[in-house]
Amino acid sequence: MVVEADRRQATTTTWLGLGFTVALLLAANVLNNTILRSATIVAGIVEVALLAVVAVRCGLGTQGLGLSRDTWRRGARWAGISAAVVLALYLLALALPQTRPVFLDRRGDIGLGRAVFAATVPVLFATVLLEEFAFRGVLWGLLCRLRGPRIATLGSAVLFGLWHVLPSLNLLGENQAARDALRGNPAGAVVFAVVSTTIAGLVFGALRQRSGSLLAPIGLHWATNGLGYIFSALLWWSQTR
């Protein structure tokens, strides 16, 4: 009876932690895309700290978060392989005239030096670490405890897609290729962003499950975003020479 009561208490705590995490991310999403846009690094660090408190209160531990030391080497290996694949695909896309305009994103028109800084500091701390700790760390861990790894991957991916609704409102103004493809349709930009990031979330979640480590999706996520900044800056730079 005591064991059953403890199990029910643990389940209740997990559900409460899940609800609090979703509420916290909803508030963070609104704040990060409005009044905190100029302080994203500090906001990201604070939000990760709050999520860590939730993880501790729910008893996830390093294993539940994908940060156990015995998974570091495997996670780093998967991260390196994933980054190499992204690099190869980006080089191919940049070499082909049909896909090269995708990199003409206004966020990369900041000079090569600033783009490298953006890729290694703001992208890493304000985007990748926050999102991976939130979605493939805390959310994935809580959902896995409640419903298993498949539901954890699916559920965290759907929430990850919805997380990108507000950022997608700027997509048409930042990327000419997206504006042309979507014919300037804001609703289309939102749908595209949500669907594409949900698919990305499925890949990140599968990588988290396969490797058992949060380092693996962190590596893939950074390569996708960080290298995107650098390649965009390279293309803008080449057009001014």
Protein backbone atom coordinates (compact mmCIF):
# COMPACT_ATOMS: atom_id res chain seq x y z
CA MET A 1 0.00 0.00 0.00
CA VAL A 2 2.84 2.35 0.88
CA VAL A 3 4.58 1.59 -2.42
CA GLU A 4 1.36 2.19 -4.39
CA ALA A 5 0.78 5.49 -2.57
CA ASP A 6 4.36 6.56 -3.31
CA ARG A 7 3.88 5.67 -6.97
CA ARG A 8 0.69 7.73 -7.20
CA GLN A 9 2.42 10.64 -5.49
CA ALA A 10 5.32 10.44 -7.95
CA THR A 11 2.90 10.39 -10.89
CA THR A 12 1.02 13.39 -9.54
CA THR A 13 4.29 15.27 -9.05
CA THR A 14 5.33 14.46 -12.62
CA TRP A 15 2.02 15.72 -14.05
CA LEU A 16 2.30 18.90 -11.99
CA GLY A 17 5.87 19.35 -13.17
CA LEU A 18 4.78 18.86 -16.77
CA GLY A 19 2.03 21.45 -16.42
CA PHE A 20 4.35 23.93 -14.76
CA THR A 21 6.99 23.40 -17.47
CA VAL A 22 4.50 24.05 -20.27
CA ALA A 23 3.23 27.19 -18.49
CA LEU A 24 6.79 28.40 -17.93
CA LEU A 25 7.68 27.87 -21.58
CA LEU A 26 4.54 29.66 -22.72
CA ALA A 27 5.46 32.70 -20.61
CA ALA A 28 9.10 32.53 -21.76
CA ASN A 29 8.05 32.31 -25.40
CA VAL A 30 5.93 35.46 -25.17
CA LEU A 31 8.55 37.39 -23.18
CA ASN A 32 11.49 36.30 -25.35
CA ASN A 33 9.71 37.46 -28.51
CA THR A 34 8.52 40.78 -27.08
CA ILE A 35 10.06 42.72 -24.21
CA LEU A 36 13.14 40.47 -23.72
CA ARG A 37 14.31 40.40 -27.35
CA SER A 38 17.35 42.52 -26.48
CA ALA A 39 18.28 40.35 -23.49
CA THR A 40 17.87 36.86 -24.88
CA ILE A 41 21.09 35.44 -23.44
CA VAL A 42 20.31 36.50 -19.87
CA ALA A 43 16.68 35.43 -20.29
CA GLY A 44 17.77 32.03 -21.62
CA ILE A 45 20.10 31.41 -18.68
CA VAL A 46 17.39 32.37 -16.17
CA GLU A 47 14.82 30.17 -17.92
CA VAL A 48 17.19 27.20 -17.94
CA ALA A 49 17.75 27.72 -14.21
CA LEU A 50 13.99 27.72 -13.56
CA LEU A 51 13.57 24.57 -15.64
CA ALA A 52 16.39 22.94 -13.68
CA VAL A 53 14.47 23.65 -10.48
CA VAL A 54 11.43 21.87 -11.95
CA ALA A 55 13.61 18.91 -12.93
CA VAL A 56 15.06 18.66 -9.43
CA ARG A 57 11.63 18.93 -7.79
CA CYS A 58 10.33 16.16 -10.05
CA GLY A 59 13.36 13.98 -9.35
CA LEU A 60 14.47 13.63 -12.96
CA GLY A 61 18.17 13.58 -12.18
CA THR A 62 20.95 13.57 -14.77
CA GLN A 63 19.73 10.28 -16.28
CA GLY A 64 16.24 11.61 -16.87
CA LEU A 65 17.61 14.79 -18.42
CA GLY A 66 20.01 12.95 -20.73
CA LEU A 67 23.05 14.38 -18.94
CA SER A 68 24.37 11.30 -17.16
CA ARG A 69 28.16 11.11 -17.39
CA ASP A 70 28.11 7.63 -18.87
CA THR A 71 26.27 9.00 -21.94
CA TRP A 72 28.62 11.91 -22.66
CA ARG A 73 30.94 10.05 -25.02
CA ARG A 74 28.10 8.50 -27.02
CA GLY A 75 26.23 11.80 -27.12
CA ALA A 76 29.31 13.69 -28.30
CA ARG A 77 29.87 11.12 -31.04
CA TRP A 78 26.30 11.47 -32.30
CA ALA A 79 26.59 15.26 -32.07
CA GLY A 80 29.74 15.24 -34.20
CA ILE A 81 28.23 12.96 -36.82
CA SER A 82 25.06 15.06 -36.99
CA ALA A 83 27.02 18.30 -37.33
CA ALA A 84 29.13 16.79 -40.13
CA VAL A 85 25.99 15.77 -42.03
CA VAL A 86 24.51 19.27 -41.68
CA LEU A 87 27.80 20.81 -42.85
CA ALA A 88 27.86 18.57 -45.94
CA LEU A 89 24.22 19.39 -46.78
CA TYR A 90 24.80 23.13 -46.33
CA LEU A 91 27.87 23.04 -48.58
CA LEU A 92 25.86 21.23 -51.23
CA ALA A 93 22.94 23.68 -50.91
CA LEU A 94 25.31 26.64 -51.14
CA ALA A 95 26.93 25.21 -54.26
CA LEU A 96 23.63 24.75 -56.14
CA PRO A 97 22.07 27.88 -57.72
CA GLN A 98 18.57 26.52 -57.02
CA THR A 99 19.07 26.31 -53.24
CA ARG A 100 21.63 29.07 -52.65
CA PRO A 101 19.00 31.84 -52.14
CA VAL A 102 17.74 30.03 -49.01
CA PHE A 103 20.81 31.40 -47.22
CA LEU A 104 19.95 35.03 -48.10
CA ASP A 105 18.45 35.62 -44.69
CA ARG A 106 18.57 39.16 -43.29
CA ARG A 107 19.72 37.80 -39.93
CA GLY A 108 22.98 36.80 -41.62
CA ASP A 109 23.58 40.22 -43.19
CA ILE A 110 25.64 41.39 -40.22
CA GLY A 111 29.19 40.70 -41.34
CA LEU A 112 31.13 37.48 -41.05
CA GLY A 113 32.74 38.28 -37.69
CA ARG A 114 29.45 39.19 -36.02
CA ALA A 115 27.80 36.13 -37.57
CA VAL A 116 30.45 33.84 -36.06
CA PHE A 117 29.89 35.52 -32.68
CA ALA A 118 26.10 35.13 -33.06
CA ALA A 119 26.51 31.46 -33.91
CA THR A 120 28.77 30.73 -30.96
CA VAL A 121 27.16 32.84 -28.21
CA PRO A 122 23.52 34.00 -28.71
CA VAL A 123 22.51 31.00 -30.81
CA LEU A 124 24.12 28.57 -28.38
CA PHE A 125 22.97 30.11 -25.10
CA ALA A 126 19.70 31.86 -26.02
CA THR A 127 18.38 29.26 -28.44
CA VAL A 128 20.01 25.84 -28.53
CA LEU A 129 20.75 25.21 -24.84
CA LEU A 130 17.44 26.66 -23.71
CA GLU A 131 15.33 24.76 -26.23
CA GLU A 132 17.16 21.46 -25.90
CA PHE A 133 17.16 21.54 -22.10
CA ALA A 134 13.46 22.44 -22.17
CA PHE A 135 12.15 20.14 -24.88
CA ARG A 136 14.56 17.18 -25.06
CA GLY A 137 15.61 17.46 -21.43
CA VAL A 138 12.83 18.35 -19.00
CA LEU A 139 9.74 17.84 -21.17
CA TRP A 140 11.08 14.67 -22.78
CA GLY A 141 12.10 13.28 -19.40
CA LEU A 142 8.72 13.97 -17.78
CA LEU A 143 6.72 12.63 -20.74
CA CYS A 144 8.94 9.54 -20.94
CA ARG A 145 8.28 8.81 -17.28
CA LEU A 146 4.52 9.14 -17.82
CA ARG A 147 4.02 7.55 -21.25
CA GLY A 148 7.32 6.17 -22.56
CA PRO A 149 9.92 7.38 -25.09
CA ARG A 150 7.71 7.39 -28.21
CA ILE A 151 5.10 9.69 -26.66
CA ALA A 152 7.94 11.75 -25.17
CA THR A 153 9.43 12.28 -28.62
CA LEU A 154 6.06 13.01 -30.26
CA GLY A 155 4.74 15.26 -27.49
CA SER A 156 7.93 17.30 -27.13
CA ALA A 157 8.11 17.69 -30.93
CA VAL A 158 4.56 19.07 -31.17
CA LEU A 159 5.22 21.53 -28.35
CA PHE A 160 8.52 22.48 -30.03
CA GLY A 161 6.61 23.26 -33.22
CA LEU A 162 4.12 25.46 -31.37
CA TRP A 163 7.05 27.22 -29.67
CA HIS A 164 7.93 28.65 -33.11
CA VAL A 165 4.58 30.33 -33.83
CA LEU A 166 5.69 33.77 -32.61
CA PRO A 167 9.17 33.70 -34.22
CA SER A 168 7.58 32.70 -37.55
CA LEU A 169 5.78 36.06 -37.72
CA ASN A 170 9.11 37.61 -38.76
CA LEU A 171 10.01 34.93 -41.30
CA LEU A 172 8.70 36.70 -44.42
CA GLY A 173 10.59 39.87 -43.59
CA GLU A 174 13.86 38.06 -42.97
CA ASN A 175 14.09 35.48 -45.73
CA GLN A 176 13.50 36.31 -49.39
CA ALA A 177 13.31 32.65 -50.46
CA ALA A 178 10.60 31.94 -47.88
CA ARG A 179 8.71 35.09 -48.91
CA ASP A 180 8.76 34.01 -52.56
CA ALA A 181 7.86 30.39 -51.83
CA LEU A 182 4.97 31.34 -49.55
CA ARG A 183 3.89 34.27 -51.78
CA GLY A 184 4.00 36.63 -48.84
CA ASN A 185 1.29 34.74 -46.94
CA PRO A 186 1.75 35.23 -43.16
CA ALA A 187 -0.54 32.30 -42.29
CA GLY A 188 1.49 30.10 -44.62
CA ALA A 189 4.67 31.19 -42.85
CA VAL A 190 3.24 30.14 -39.48
CA VAL A 191 2.09 26.75 -40.80
CA PHE A 192 5.42 26.16 -42.52
CA ALA A 193 7.38 27.08 -39.38
CA VAL A 194 5.27 24.91 -37.07
CA VAL A 195 5.32 21.87 -39.38
CA SER A 196 9.03 22.12 -40.17
CA THR A 197 10.07 22.59 -36.54
CA THR A 198 7.77 19.78 -35.41
CA ILE A 199 9.57 17.50 -37.88
CA ALA A 200 12.90 18.81 -36.58
CA GLY A 201 11.67 18.11 -33.05
CA LEU A 202 10.93 14.51 -34.01
CA VAL A 203 14.48 14.15 -35.32
CA PHE A 204 15.96 15.77 -32.20
CA GLY A 205 13.81 13.58 -29.96
CA ALA A 206 14.72 10.41 -31.83
CA LEU A 207 18.38 11.35 -31.52
CA ARG A 208 17.90 11.92 -27.79
CA GLN A 209 16.27 8.50 -27.45
CA ARG A 210 18.80 6.72 -29.64
CA SER A 211 21.88 8.17 -27.96
CA GLY A 212 20.45 8.47 -24.44
CA SER A 213 22.17 11.83 -24.27
CA LEU A 214 21.08 15.45 -24.55
CA LEU A 215 24.44 16.26 -26.16
CA ALA A 216 23.37 14.62 -29.42
CA PRO A 217 20.38 16.89 -30.22
CA ILE A 218 22.33 19.88 -28.89
CA GLY A 219 25.02 19.21 -31.51
CA LEU A 220 22.53 18.78 -34.35
CA HIS A 221 20.48 21.80 -33.28
CA TRP A 222 23.54 24.05 -33.03
CA ALA A 223 24.86 22.91 -36.40
CA THR A 224 21.50 23.62 -38.04
CA ASN A 225 21.19 27.13 -36.58
CA GLY A 226 24.80 28.19 -36.01
CA LEU A 227 26.18 27.04 -39.35
CA GLY A 228 23.12 28.60 -40.98
CA TYR A 229 24.17 32.01 -39.63
CA ILE A 230 27.74 31.55 -40.82
CA PHE A 231 26.80 30.35 -44.31
CA SER A 232 24.28 33.16 -44.65
CA ALA A 233 26.95 35.71 -43.73
CA LEU A 234 29.36 34.13 -46.20
CA LEU A 235 26.82 34.47 -49.00
CA TRP A 236 26.02 38.10 -48.15
CA TRP A 237 29.75 38.83 -47.95
CA SER A 238 30.44 37.21 -51.35
CA GLN A 239 27.76 39.33 -53.00
CA THR A 240 29.36 42.55 -51.84
CA ARG A 241 32.78 41.76 -53.30
